[in-house]
Amino acid sequence: MTFVDWVSAPVNWAFTIIGLAVLVSGFRVVTANNVVHAALYLVGALAGTAGLFLMLSAEFVAWVLVLVYIGAVIVLFLFGIMITRAPTGLDEGLSSDHKVLPAVLALAMFLMMAWASLDAFGAQVIASTGEPVPTEILGEALLGRFLIPFEIVSFVLLAALIGGITLARRDLSPAEEEERSAV
């Protein structure tokens, strides 16, 4: 494929725009000084990723990403922040001294994943029929070949849920317990 062919395809422009939005949002997640802003940037990164899945005709995966991650996990993070009454302003603990390492680690992870993908698939062209992938095929893949990674993701979601509950729970001091029992 020549550069002229690449430029003439509108799908490449859409991919570039969505990909850059995901890249910027992901970078801002790890460099934001405000926890709420970081969570909202994560929403943008996940929404862009769902858009990329839609471009790949994987509608089921895109909508699961929107419903589970944006609709549940991010809302859980925001509720955890609100319930614990954590400071939502600028956090001095998140100073600019600590922004370089996460950015370098994110770049290293990207390069490692890009290298692994190129090593595994090389210059193979994936034939696209333009038709969505049936949910039955996705279910068989998730619960067949990819059962272990699927279960690992479920444990990560469970850990996020337990972490949110732990953050939201507040232990009472003896004086507060006595005051509560008196009422």
N, C-alpha and C. Protein backbone atom coordinates (compact mmCIF):
# COMPACT_ATOMS: atom_id res chain seq x y z
N MET A 1 0.85 -1.17 0.00
CA MET A 1 0.00 0.00 0.00
C MET A 1 0.90 1.24 0.00
N THR A 2 0.64 2.11 -0.93
CA THR A 2 1.43 3.34 -1.01
C THR A 2 0.80 4.40 -0.12
N PHE A 3 1.55 5.47 0.08
CA PHE A 3 1.05 6.57 0.91
C PHE A 3 -0.19 7.20 0.30
N VAL A 4 -0.21 7.32 -1.02
CA VAL A 4 -1.37 7.92 -1.70
C VAL A 4 -2.60 7.06 -1.49
N ASP A 5 -2.44 5.72 -1.54
CA ASP A 5 -3.57 4.83 -1.27
C ASP A 5 -4.06 4.99 0.16
N TRP A 6 -3.10 5.11 1.09
CA TRP A 6 -3.46 5.24 2.49
C TRP A 6 -4.23 6.53 2.73
N VAL A 7 -3.77 7.62 2.16
CA VAL A 7 -4.40 8.93 2.36
C VAL A 7 -5.79 8.97 1.73
N SER A 8 -5.98 8.26 0.64
CA SER A 8 -7.26 8.33 -0.06
C SER A 8 -8.36 7.53 0.64
N ALA A 9 -8.01 6.68 1.59
CA ALA A 9 -9.02 5.88 2.30
C ALA A 9 -9.52 6.64 3.53
N PRO A 10 -10.81 6.99 3.57
CA PRO A 10 -11.35 7.74 4.72
C PRO A 10 -11.25 6.97 6.04
N VAL A 11 -11.29 5.64 5.99
CA VAL A 11 -11.22 4.87 7.22
C VAL A 11 -9.87 5.08 7.92
N ASN A 12 -8.82 5.31 7.15
CA ASN A 12 -7.51 5.57 7.76
C ASN A 12 -7.49 6.90 8.49
N TRP A 13 -8.18 7.89 7.95
CA TRP A 13 -8.26 9.19 8.62
C TRP A 13 -9.06 9.08 9.91
N ALA A 14 -10.17 8.33 9.86
CA ALA A 14 -10.98 8.14 11.08
C ALA A 14 -10.16 7.41 12.14
N PHE A 15 -9.43 6.37 11.72
CA PHE A 15 -8.59 5.64 12.67
C PHE A 15 -7.53 6.56 13.28
N THR A 16 -6.91 7.39 12.46
CA THR A 16 -5.87 8.30 12.96
C THR A 16 -6.44 9.28 13.97
N ILE A 17 -7.59 9.85 13.67
CA ILE A 17 -8.19 10.84 14.58
C ILE A 17 -8.58 10.17 15.91
N ILE A 18 -9.25 9.01 15.84
CA ILE A 18 -9.66 8.33 17.07
C ILE A 18 -8.43 7.84 17.83
N GLY A 19 -7.45 7.32 17.11
CA GLY A 19 -6.23 6.84 17.75
C GLY A 19 -5.48 7.94 18.48
N LEU A 20 -5.39 9.12 17.85
CA LEU A 20 -4.72 10.25 18.51
C LEU A 20 -5.50 10.71 19.74
N ALA A 21 -6.83 10.69 19.65
CA ALA A 21 -7.65 11.05 20.82
C ALA A 21 -7.43 10.07 21.97
N VAL A 22 -7.34 8.77 21.66
CA VAL A 22 -7.08 7.77 22.69
C VAL A 22 -5.69 7.97 23.28
N LEU A 23 -4.72 8.25 22.42
CA LEU A 23 -3.35 8.46 22.88
C LEU A 23 -3.25 9.67 23.82
N VAL A 24 -3.87 10.78 23.44
CA VAL A 24 -3.83 11.98 24.28
C VAL A 24 -4.58 11.74 25.59
N SER A 25 -5.75 11.10 25.52
CA SER A 25 -6.51 10.81 26.73
C SER A 25 -5.74 9.89 27.67
N GLY A 26 -5.11 8.87 27.11
CA GLY A 26 -4.33 7.95 27.93
C GLY A 26 -3.16 8.64 28.59
N PHE A 27 -2.50 9.53 27.85
CA PHE A 27 -1.39 10.29 28.42
C PHE A 27 -1.87 11.19 29.56
N ARG A 28 -3.02 11.81 29.37
CA ARG A 28 -3.55 12.71 30.40
C ARG A 28 -4.03 11.94 31.63
N VAL A 29 -4.43 10.66 31.46
CA VAL A 29 -4.82 9.86 32.62
C VAL A 29 -3.66 9.75 33.60
N VAL A 30 -2.47 9.52 33.07
CA VAL A 30 -1.32 9.31 33.97
C VAL A 30 -0.63 10.61 34.35
N THR A 31 -0.99 11.73 33.74
CA THR A 31 -0.32 12.98 34.08
C THR A 31 -1.25 14.00 34.73
N ALA A 32 -2.52 13.68 34.90
CA ALA A 32 -3.47 14.64 35.50
C ALA A 32 -3.17 14.82 36.98
N ASN A 33 -3.30 16.06 37.46
CA ASN A 33 -3.10 16.37 38.88
C ASN A 33 -4.37 16.19 39.70
N ASN A 34 -5.50 16.00 39.04
CA ASN A 34 -6.79 15.89 39.70
C ASN A 34 -7.33 14.48 39.45
N VAL A 35 -7.74 13.78 40.51
CA VAL A 35 -8.20 12.41 40.39
C VAL A 35 -9.46 12.32 39.53
N VAL A 36 -10.37 13.26 39.71
CA VAL A 36 -11.61 13.24 38.93
C VAL A 36 -11.30 13.48 37.46
N HIS A 37 -10.40 14.41 37.16
CA HIS A 37 -10.03 14.65 35.77
C HIS A 37 -9.38 13.41 35.16
N ALA A 38 -8.54 12.72 35.93
CA ALA A 38 -7.91 11.49 35.44
C ALA A 38 -8.98 10.45 35.10
N ALA A 39 -9.99 10.31 35.95
CA ALA A 39 -11.07 9.35 35.68
C ALA A 39 -11.84 9.75 34.42
N LEU A 40 -12.07 11.05 34.23
CA LEU A 40 -12.78 11.49 33.03
C LEU A 40 -11.94 11.32 31.77
N TYR A 41 -10.64 11.52 31.87
CA TYR A 41 -9.77 11.23 30.73
C TYR A 41 -9.79 9.73 30.42
N LEU A 42 -9.89 8.90 31.45
CA LEU A 42 -9.99 7.46 31.22
C LEU A 42 -11.28 7.13 30.48
N VAL A 43 -12.35 7.84 30.79
CA VAL A 43 -13.60 7.66 30.04
C VAL A 43 -13.37 7.97 28.56
N GLY A 44 -12.65 9.06 28.28
CA GLY A 44 -12.36 9.41 26.89
C GLY A 44 -11.52 8.35 26.20
N ALA A 45 -10.52 7.82 26.89
CA ALA A 45 -9.68 6.77 26.30
C ALA A 45 -10.49 5.51 26.03
N LEU A 46 -11.35 5.13 26.97
CA LEU A 46 -12.16 3.93 26.78
C LEU A 46 -13.21 4.14 25.68
N ALA A 47 -13.78 5.33 25.59
CA ALA A 47 -14.75 5.61 24.53
C ALA A 47 -14.07 5.57 23.16
N GLY A 48 -12.87 6.10 23.06
CA GLY A 48 -12.13 6.03 21.81
C GLY A 48 -11.80 4.59 21.44
N THR A 49 -11.45 3.78 22.43
CA THR A 49 -11.18 2.37 22.18
C THR A 49 -12.43 1.67 21.69
N ALA A 50 -13.57 2.01 22.26
CA ALA A 50 -14.84 1.44 21.78
C ALA A 50 -15.08 1.86 20.33
N GLY A 51 -14.74 3.11 19.99
CA GLY A 51 -14.87 3.55 18.61
C GLY A 51 -13.98 2.75 17.67
N LEU A 52 -12.78 2.42 18.12
CA LEU A 52 -11.89 1.60 17.30
C LEU A 52 -12.46 0.19 17.12
N PHE A 53 -13.07 -0.36 18.17
CA PHE A 53 -13.71 -1.66 18.02
C PHE A 53 -14.88 -1.59 17.05
N LEU A 54 -15.63 -0.49 17.07
CA LEU A 54 -16.71 -0.33 16.10
C LEU A 54 -16.18 -0.29 14.68
N MET A 55 -15.02 0.34 14.49
CA MET A 55 -14.42 0.37 13.16
C MET A 55 -14.00 -1.02 12.71
N LEU A 56 -13.69 -1.90 13.65
CA LEU A 56 -13.31 -3.27 13.33
C LEU A 56 -14.52 -4.21 13.20
N SER A 57 -15.72 -3.65 13.24
CA SER A 57 -16.98 -4.41 13.16
C SER A 57 -17.15 -5.35 14.33
N ALA A 58 -16.61 -4.98 15.48
CA ALA A 58 -16.78 -5.76 16.70
C ALA A 58 -17.72 -5.00 17.63
N GLU A 59 -18.98 -4.90 17.21
CA GLU A 59 -19.95 -4.09 17.94
C GLU A 59 -20.18 -4.61 19.35
N PHE A 60 -20.24 -5.94 19.51
CA PHE A 60 -20.49 -6.50 20.83
C PHE A 60 -19.39 -6.11 21.81
N VAL A 61 -18.15 -6.24 21.38
CA VAL A 61 -17.03 -5.90 22.26
C VAL A 61 -17.05 -4.41 22.58
N ALA A 62 -17.37 -3.58 21.59
CA ALA A 62 -17.43 -2.13 21.81
C ALA A 62 -18.48 -1.77 22.85
N TRP A 63 -19.66 -2.35 22.73
CA TRP A 63 -20.73 -1.99 23.67
C TRP A 63 -20.50 -2.59 25.05
N VAL A 64 -19.85 -3.75 25.11
CA VAL A 64 -19.48 -4.29 26.42
C VAL A 64 -18.47 -3.37 27.09
N LEU A 65 -17.53 -2.85 26.32
CA LEU A 65 -16.55 -1.91 26.85
C LEU A 65 -17.25 -0.67 27.40
N VAL A 66 -18.21 -0.16 26.65
CA VAL A 66 -18.94 1.03 27.10
C VAL A 66 -19.76 0.73 28.36
N LEU A 67 -20.49 -0.38 28.34
CA LEU A 67 -21.37 -0.68 29.47
C LEU A 67 -20.60 -1.09 30.72
N VAL A 68 -19.61 -1.96 30.57
CA VAL A 68 -18.92 -2.49 31.75
C VAL A 68 -17.90 -1.49 32.28
N TYR A 69 -17.01 -1.03 31.41
CA TYR A 69 -15.92 -0.19 31.90
C TYR A 69 -16.36 1.25 32.13
N ILE A 70 -16.99 1.85 31.14
CA ILE A 70 -17.42 3.24 31.33
C ILE A 70 -18.63 3.30 32.24
N GLY A 71 -19.57 2.41 32.02
CA GLY A 71 -20.82 2.47 32.77
C GLY A 71 -20.73 1.92 34.17
N ALA A 72 -19.74 1.10 34.48
CA ALA A 72 -19.68 0.50 35.81
C ALA A 72 -18.39 0.85 36.54
N VAL A 73 -17.25 0.52 35.96
CA VAL A 73 -15.99 0.70 36.68
C VAL A 73 -15.69 2.18 36.91
N ILE A 74 -15.83 3.01 35.91
CA ILE A 74 -15.54 4.44 36.08
C ILE A 74 -16.54 5.06 37.04
N VAL A 75 -17.81 4.68 36.94
CA VAL A 75 -18.79 5.19 37.89
C VAL A 75 -18.44 4.74 39.30
N LEU A 76 -17.95 3.51 39.45
CA LEU A 76 -17.51 3.02 40.76
C LEU A 76 -16.35 3.87 41.28
N PHE A 77 -15.39 4.19 40.42
CA PHE A 77 -14.28 5.06 40.84
C PHE A 77 -14.80 6.41 41.30
N LEU A 78 -15.69 7.01 40.52
CA LEU A 78 -16.19 8.34 40.87
C LEU A 78 -17.02 8.31 42.15
N PHE A 79 -17.85 7.27 42.32
CA PHE A 79 -18.60 7.14 43.57
C PHE A 79 -17.66 6.93 44.75
N GLY A 80 -16.61 6.14 44.56
CA GLY A 80 -15.63 5.94 45.63
C GLY A 80 -14.98 7.25 46.03
N ILE A 81 -14.67 8.08 45.04
CA ILE A 81 -14.07 9.39 45.34
C ILE A 81 -15.06 10.26 46.09
N MET A 82 -16.33 10.24 45.65
CA MET A 82 -17.33 11.09 46.30
C MET A 82 -17.70 10.59 47.70
N ILE A 83 -17.83 9.29 47.87
CA ILE A 83 -18.23 8.74 49.16
C ILE A 83 -17.15 8.95 50.20
N THR A 84 -15.90 8.79 49.83
CA THR A 84 -14.82 8.96 50.79
C THR A 84 -14.49 10.42 51.03
N ARG A 85 -15.13 11.27 50.29
CA ARG A 85 -14.88 12.71 50.40
C ARG A 85 -13.40 13.03 50.22
N ALA A 86 -12.81 12.31 49.29
CA ALA A 86 -11.39 12.54 48.98
C ALA A 86 -11.26 13.93 48.35
N PRO A 87 -10.16 14.60 48.59
CA PRO A 87 -9.98 15.91 47.98
C PRO A 87 -9.94 15.78 46.46
N THR A 88 -10.76 16.58 45.79
CA THR A 88 -10.83 16.49 44.33
C THR A 88 -10.05 17.60 43.64
N GLY A 89 -9.47 18.48 44.40
CA GLY A 89 -8.69 19.56 43.80
C GLY A 89 -7.31 19.07 43.41
N LEU A 90 -6.43 20.01 43.12
CA LEU A 90 -5.07 19.66 42.76
C LEU A 90 -4.38 18.99 43.94
N ASP A 91 -3.71 17.90 43.67
CA ASP A 91 -3.03 17.14 44.71
C ASP A 91 -1.53 17.39 44.58
N GLU A 92 -0.95 17.94 45.62
CA GLU A 92 0.48 18.23 45.57
C GLU A 92 1.31 16.95 45.55
N GLY A 93 0.73 15.84 46.02
CA GLY A 93 1.43 14.57 45.97
C GLY A 93 1.63 14.07 44.55
N LEU A 94 0.83 14.59 43.63
CA LEU A 94 0.95 14.23 42.22
C LEU A 94 1.71 15.32 41.47
N SER A 95 2.85 15.67 41.99
CA SER A 95 3.62 16.75 41.38
C SER A 95 4.24 16.30 40.07
N SER A 96 4.80 17.25 39.36
CA SER A 96 5.37 16.97 38.03
C SER A 96 6.59 16.07 38.12
N ASP A 97 7.17 15.89 39.31
CA ASP A 97 8.33 15.02 39.45
C ASP A 97 7.98 13.57 39.17
N HIS A 98 6.72 13.20 39.37
CA HIS A 98 6.31 11.81 39.25
C HIS A 98 5.59 11.54 37.93
N LYS A 99 5.65 12.43 36.97
CA LYS A 99 4.92 12.24 35.72
C LYS A 99 5.75 11.57 34.65
N VAL A 100 7.05 11.62 34.75
CA VAL A 100 7.90 11.10 33.69
C VAL A 100 7.90 9.57 33.70
N LEU A 101 8.01 8.97 34.86
CA LEU A 101 8.08 7.51 34.95
C LEU A 101 6.83 6.84 34.38
N PRO A 102 5.60 7.27 34.73
CA PRO A 102 4.43 6.63 34.12
C PRO A 102 4.40 6.80 32.61
N ALA A 103 4.81 7.96 32.12
CA ALA A 103 4.81 8.17 30.68
C ALA A 103 5.82 7.26 29.99
N VAL A 104 6.99 7.09 30.59
CA VAL A 104 8.01 6.21 30.02
C VAL A 104 7.53 4.76 30.06
N LEU A 105 6.91 4.35 31.17
CA LEU A 105 6.39 2.99 31.27
C LEU A 105 5.28 2.73 30.26
N ALA A 106 4.40 3.72 30.05
CA ALA A 106 3.34 3.58 29.06
C ALA A 106 3.92 3.45 27.65
N LEU A 107 4.92 4.26 27.34
CA LEU A 107 5.57 4.17 26.03
C LEU A 107 6.26 2.82 25.86
N ALA A 108 6.93 2.35 26.90
CA ALA A 108 7.60 1.05 26.83
C ALA A 108 6.58 -0.08 26.61
N MET A 109 5.44 0.00 27.30
CA MET A 109 4.39 -1.01 27.13
C MET A 109 3.84 -0.97 25.71
N PHE A 110 3.64 0.23 25.18
CA PHE A 110 3.15 0.35 23.80
C PHE A 110 4.14 -0.25 22.82
N LEU A 111 5.43 0.07 22.98
CA LEU A 111 6.44 -0.45 22.07
C LEU A 111 6.54 -1.98 22.17
N MET A 112 6.43 -2.51 23.39
CA MET A 112 6.49 -3.96 23.55
C MET A 112 5.29 -4.63 22.87
N MET A 113 4.09 -4.06 23.04
CA MET A 113 2.90 -4.63 22.41
C MET A 113 2.95 -4.50 20.90
N ALA A 114 3.46 -3.36 20.40
CA ALA A 114 3.59 -3.19 18.95
C ALA A 114 4.58 -4.19 18.38
N TRP A 115 5.71 -4.39 19.06
CA TRP A 115 6.70 -5.36 18.59
C TRP A 115 6.12 -6.76 18.60
N ALA A 116 5.40 -7.13 19.66
CA ALA A 116 4.82 -8.47 19.75
C ALA A 116 3.78 -8.68 18.65
N SER A 117 2.99 -7.66 18.37
CA SER A 117 1.98 -7.77 17.30
C SER A 117 2.64 -7.93 15.95
N LEU A 118 3.65 -7.12 15.68
CA LEU A 118 4.35 -7.23 14.40
C LEU A 118 5.08 -8.56 14.28
N ASP A 119 5.64 -9.04 15.37
CA ASP A 119 6.34 -10.31 15.36
C ASP A 119 5.37 -11.46 15.11
N ALA A 120 4.18 -11.37 15.69
CA ALA A 120 3.21 -12.45 15.56
C ALA A 120 2.51 -12.44 14.20
N PHE A 121 2.18 -11.26 13.70
CA PHE A 121 1.37 -11.18 12.49
C PHE A 121 2.12 -10.67 11.27
N GLY A 122 3.22 -9.93 11.48
CA GLY A 122 4.01 -9.42 10.36
C GLY A 122 3.19 -8.55 9.44
N ALA A 123 3.28 -8.82 8.16
CA ALA A 123 2.59 -8.00 7.16
C ALA A 123 1.30 -8.65 6.70
N GLN A 124 0.76 -9.57 7.50
CA GLN A 124 -0.50 -10.21 7.13
C GLN A 124 -1.61 -9.17 7.03
N VAL A 125 -2.41 -9.31 6.01
CA VAL A 125 -3.56 -8.43 5.84
C VAL A 125 -4.79 -9.18 6.33
N ILE A 126 -5.54 -8.56 7.20
CA ILE A 126 -6.74 -9.20 7.73
C ILE A 126 -7.88 -8.90 6.78
N ALA A 127 -8.46 -9.92 6.23
CA ALA A 127 -9.57 -9.75 5.29
C ALA A 127 -10.81 -9.35 6.08
N SER A 128 -11.42 -8.27 5.68
CA SER A 128 -12.62 -7.79 6.35
C SER A 128 -13.80 -7.93 5.42
N THR A 129 -14.85 -8.55 5.93
CA THR A 129 -16.06 -8.69 5.13
C THR A 129 -16.97 -7.49 5.33
N GLY A 130 -16.68 -6.68 6.34
CA GLY A 130 -17.54 -5.54 6.63
C GLY A 130 -18.75 -5.91 7.46
N GLU A 131 -18.93 -7.20 7.69
CA GLU A 131 -20.06 -7.68 8.49
C GLU A 131 -19.63 -7.80 9.95
N PRO A 132 -20.53 -7.53 10.87
CA PRO A 132 -20.18 -7.71 12.28
C PRO A 132 -19.91 -9.17 12.61
N VAL A 133 -19.08 -9.38 13.61
CA VAL A 133 -18.79 -10.73 14.07
C VAL A 133 -19.95 -11.20 14.93
N PRO A 134 -20.52 -12.37 14.64
CA PRO A 134 -21.64 -12.84 15.47
C PRO A 134 -21.22 -13.03 16.92
N THR A 135 -22.11 -12.72 17.82
CA THR A 135 -21.83 -12.83 19.25
C THR A 135 -21.53 -14.27 19.65
N GLU A 136 -22.13 -15.23 18.96
CA GLU A 136 -21.88 -16.64 19.26
C GLU A 136 -20.40 -16.99 19.07
N ILE A 137 -19.78 -16.47 18.02
CA ILE A 137 -18.35 -16.73 17.77
C ILE A 137 -17.50 -16.08 18.85
N LEU A 138 -17.86 -14.85 19.25
CA LEU A 138 -17.12 -14.19 20.32
C LEU A 138 -17.25 -14.95 21.63
N GLY A 139 -18.45 -15.44 21.94
CA GLY A 139 -18.65 -16.20 23.16
C GLY A 139 -17.84 -17.48 23.18
N GLU A 140 -17.81 -18.18 22.04
CA GLU A 140 -17.01 -19.41 21.96
C GLU A 140 -15.53 -19.10 22.11
N ALA A 141 -15.06 -17.98 21.55
CA ALA A 141 -13.65 -17.61 21.68
C ALA A 141 -13.32 -17.23 23.12
N LEU A 142 -14.21 -16.47 23.77
CA LEU A 142 -13.95 -16.04 25.15
C LEU A 142 -13.97 -17.21 26.12
N LEU A 143 -14.89 -18.13 25.93
CA LEU A 143 -15.03 -19.24 26.87
C LEU A 143 -14.35 -20.51 26.38
N GLY A 144 -13.63 -20.44 25.29
CA GLY A 144 -12.87 -21.58 24.79
C GLY A 144 -11.39 -21.29 24.88
N ARG A 145 -10.88 -20.73 23.82
CA ARG A 145 -9.44 -20.48 23.72
C ARG A 145 -8.96 -19.43 24.73
N PHE A 146 -9.78 -18.42 24.99
CA PHE A 146 -9.37 -17.31 25.85
C PHE A 146 -10.02 -17.36 27.22
N LEU A 147 -10.28 -18.56 27.72
CA LEU A 147 -10.96 -18.68 29.01
C LEU A 147 -10.10 -18.13 30.15
N ILE A 148 -8.81 -18.46 30.18
CA ILE A 148 -7.94 -18.01 31.28
C ILE A 148 -7.81 -16.48 31.29
N PRO A 149 -7.50 -15.81 30.15
CA PRO A 149 -7.45 -14.34 30.20
C PRO A 149 -8.80 -13.72 30.58
N PHE A 150 -9.91 -14.33 30.14
CA PHE A 150 -11.24 -13.84 30.48
C PHE A 150 -11.46 -13.91 31.99
N GLU A 151 -11.04 -14.99 32.62
CA GLU A 151 -11.18 -15.13 34.06
C GLU A 151 -10.25 -14.17 34.81
N ILE A 152 -9.07 -13.92 34.28
CA ILE A 152 -8.16 -12.96 34.90
C ILE A 152 -8.79 -11.58 34.91
N VAL A 153 -9.43 -11.21 33.80
CA VAL A 153 -10.11 -9.90 33.74
C VAL A 153 -11.24 -9.86 34.76
N SER A 154 -11.94 -10.96 34.96
CA SER A 154 -13.02 -10.95 35.96
C SER A 154 -12.46 -10.75 37.36
N PHE A 155 -11.27 -11.32 37.65
CA PHE A 155 -10.65 -11.08 38.95
C PHE A 155 -10.19 -9.63 39.10
N VAL A 156 -9.75 -9.01 38.01
CA VAL A 156 -9.37 -7.59 38.07
C VAL A 156 -10.60 -6.74 38.38
N LEU A 157 -11.74 -7.06 37.76
CA LEU A 157 -12.97 -6.33 38.06
C LEU A 157 -13.41 -6.58 39.51
N LEU A 158 -13.25 -7.79 39.98
CA LEU A 158 -13.58 -8.08 41.38
C LEU A 158 -12.69 -7.28 42.32
N ALA A 159 -11.40 -7.20 42.00
CA ALA A 159 -10.47 -6.42 42.83
C ALA A 159 -10.86 -4.94 42.81
N ALA A 160 -11.30 -4.42 41.65
CA ALA A 160 -11.74 -3.03 41.58
C ALA A 160 -12.97 -2.82 42.45
N LEU A 161 -13.89 -3.78 42.44
CA LEU A 161 -15.09 -3.68 43.27
C LEU A 161 -14.74 -3.70 44.75
N ILE A 162 -13.89 -4.63 45.16
CA ILE A 162 -13.47 -4.71 46.56
C ILE A 162 -12.72 -3.45 46.97
N GLY A 163 -11.86 -2.95 46.08
CA GLY A 163 -11.14 -1.71 46.38
C GLY A 163 -12.08 -0.54 46.56
N GLY A 164 -13.11 -0.46 45.72
CA GLY A 164 -14.09 0.62 45.86
C GLY A 164 -14.86 0.53 47.16
N ILE A 165 -15.24 -0.68 47.54
CA ILE A 165 -15.95 -0.86 48.81
C ILE A 165 -15.05 -0.52 49.98
N THR A 166 -13.79 -0.93 49.90
CA THR A 166 -12.84 -0.63 50.98
C THR A 166 -12.62 0.87 51.11
N LEU A 167 -12.52 1.56 49.98
CA LEU A 167 -12.35 3.01 50.03
C LEU A 167 -13.59 3.70 50.58
N ALA A 168 -14.77 3.17 50.24
CA ALA A 168 -16.00 3.81 50.66
C ALA A 168 -16.31 3.55 52.14
N ARG A 169 -15.82 2.45 52.68
CA ARG A 169 -16.09 2.11 54.07
C ARG A 169 -15.25 2.97 55.00
N ARG A 170 -15.87 3.48 56.01
CA ARG A 170 -15.15 4.32 56.97
C ARG A 170 -15.32 3.73 58.35
N ASP A 171 -14.21 3.45 59.00
CA ASP A 171 -14.27 2.94 60.37
C ASP A 171 -14.57 4.09 61.32
N LEU A 172 -15.48 3.83 62.26
CA LEU A 172 -15.86 4.86 63.21
C LEU A 172 -14.95 4.82 64.43
N SER A 173 -14.69 5.99 64.97
CA SER A 173 -13.94 6.05 66.22
C SER A 173 -14.87 5.62 67.36
N PRO A 174 -14.32 5.25 68.54
CA PRO A 174 -15.19 4.84 69.66
C PRO A 174 -16.21 5.91 70.04
N ALA A 175 -15.82 7.18 69.96
CA ALA A 175 -16.76 8.26 70.30
C ALA A 175 -17.91 8.31 69.29
N GLU A 176 -17.60 8.12 68.02
CA GLU A 176 -18.65 8.15 66.99
C GLU A 176 -19.58 6.94 67.12
N GLU A 177 -19.02 5.77 67.49
CA GLU A 177 -19.85 4.58 67.69
C GLU A 177 -20.80 4.78 68.87
N GLU A 178 -20.29 5.39 69.95
CA GLU A 178 -21.13 5.65 71.12
C GLU A 178 -22.23 6.64 70.78
N GLU A 179 -21.88 7.66 69.99
CA GLU A 179 -22.87 8.67 69.59
C GLU A 179 -23.94 8.04 68.71
N ARG A 180 -23.54 7.15 67.80
CA ARG A 180 -24.48 6.51 66.90
C ARG A 180 -25.41 5.57 67.66
N SER A 181 -24.88 4.83 68.63
CA SER A 181 -25.72 3.88 69.41
C SER A 181 -26.68 4.63 70.32
N ALA A 182 -26.33 5.88 70.71
CA ALA A 182 -27.21 6.65 71.59
C ALA A 182 -28.44 7.14 70.82
N VAL A 183 -28.33 7.29 69.53
CA VAL A 183 -29.44 7.80 68.73
C VAL A 183 -30.37 6.68 68.42
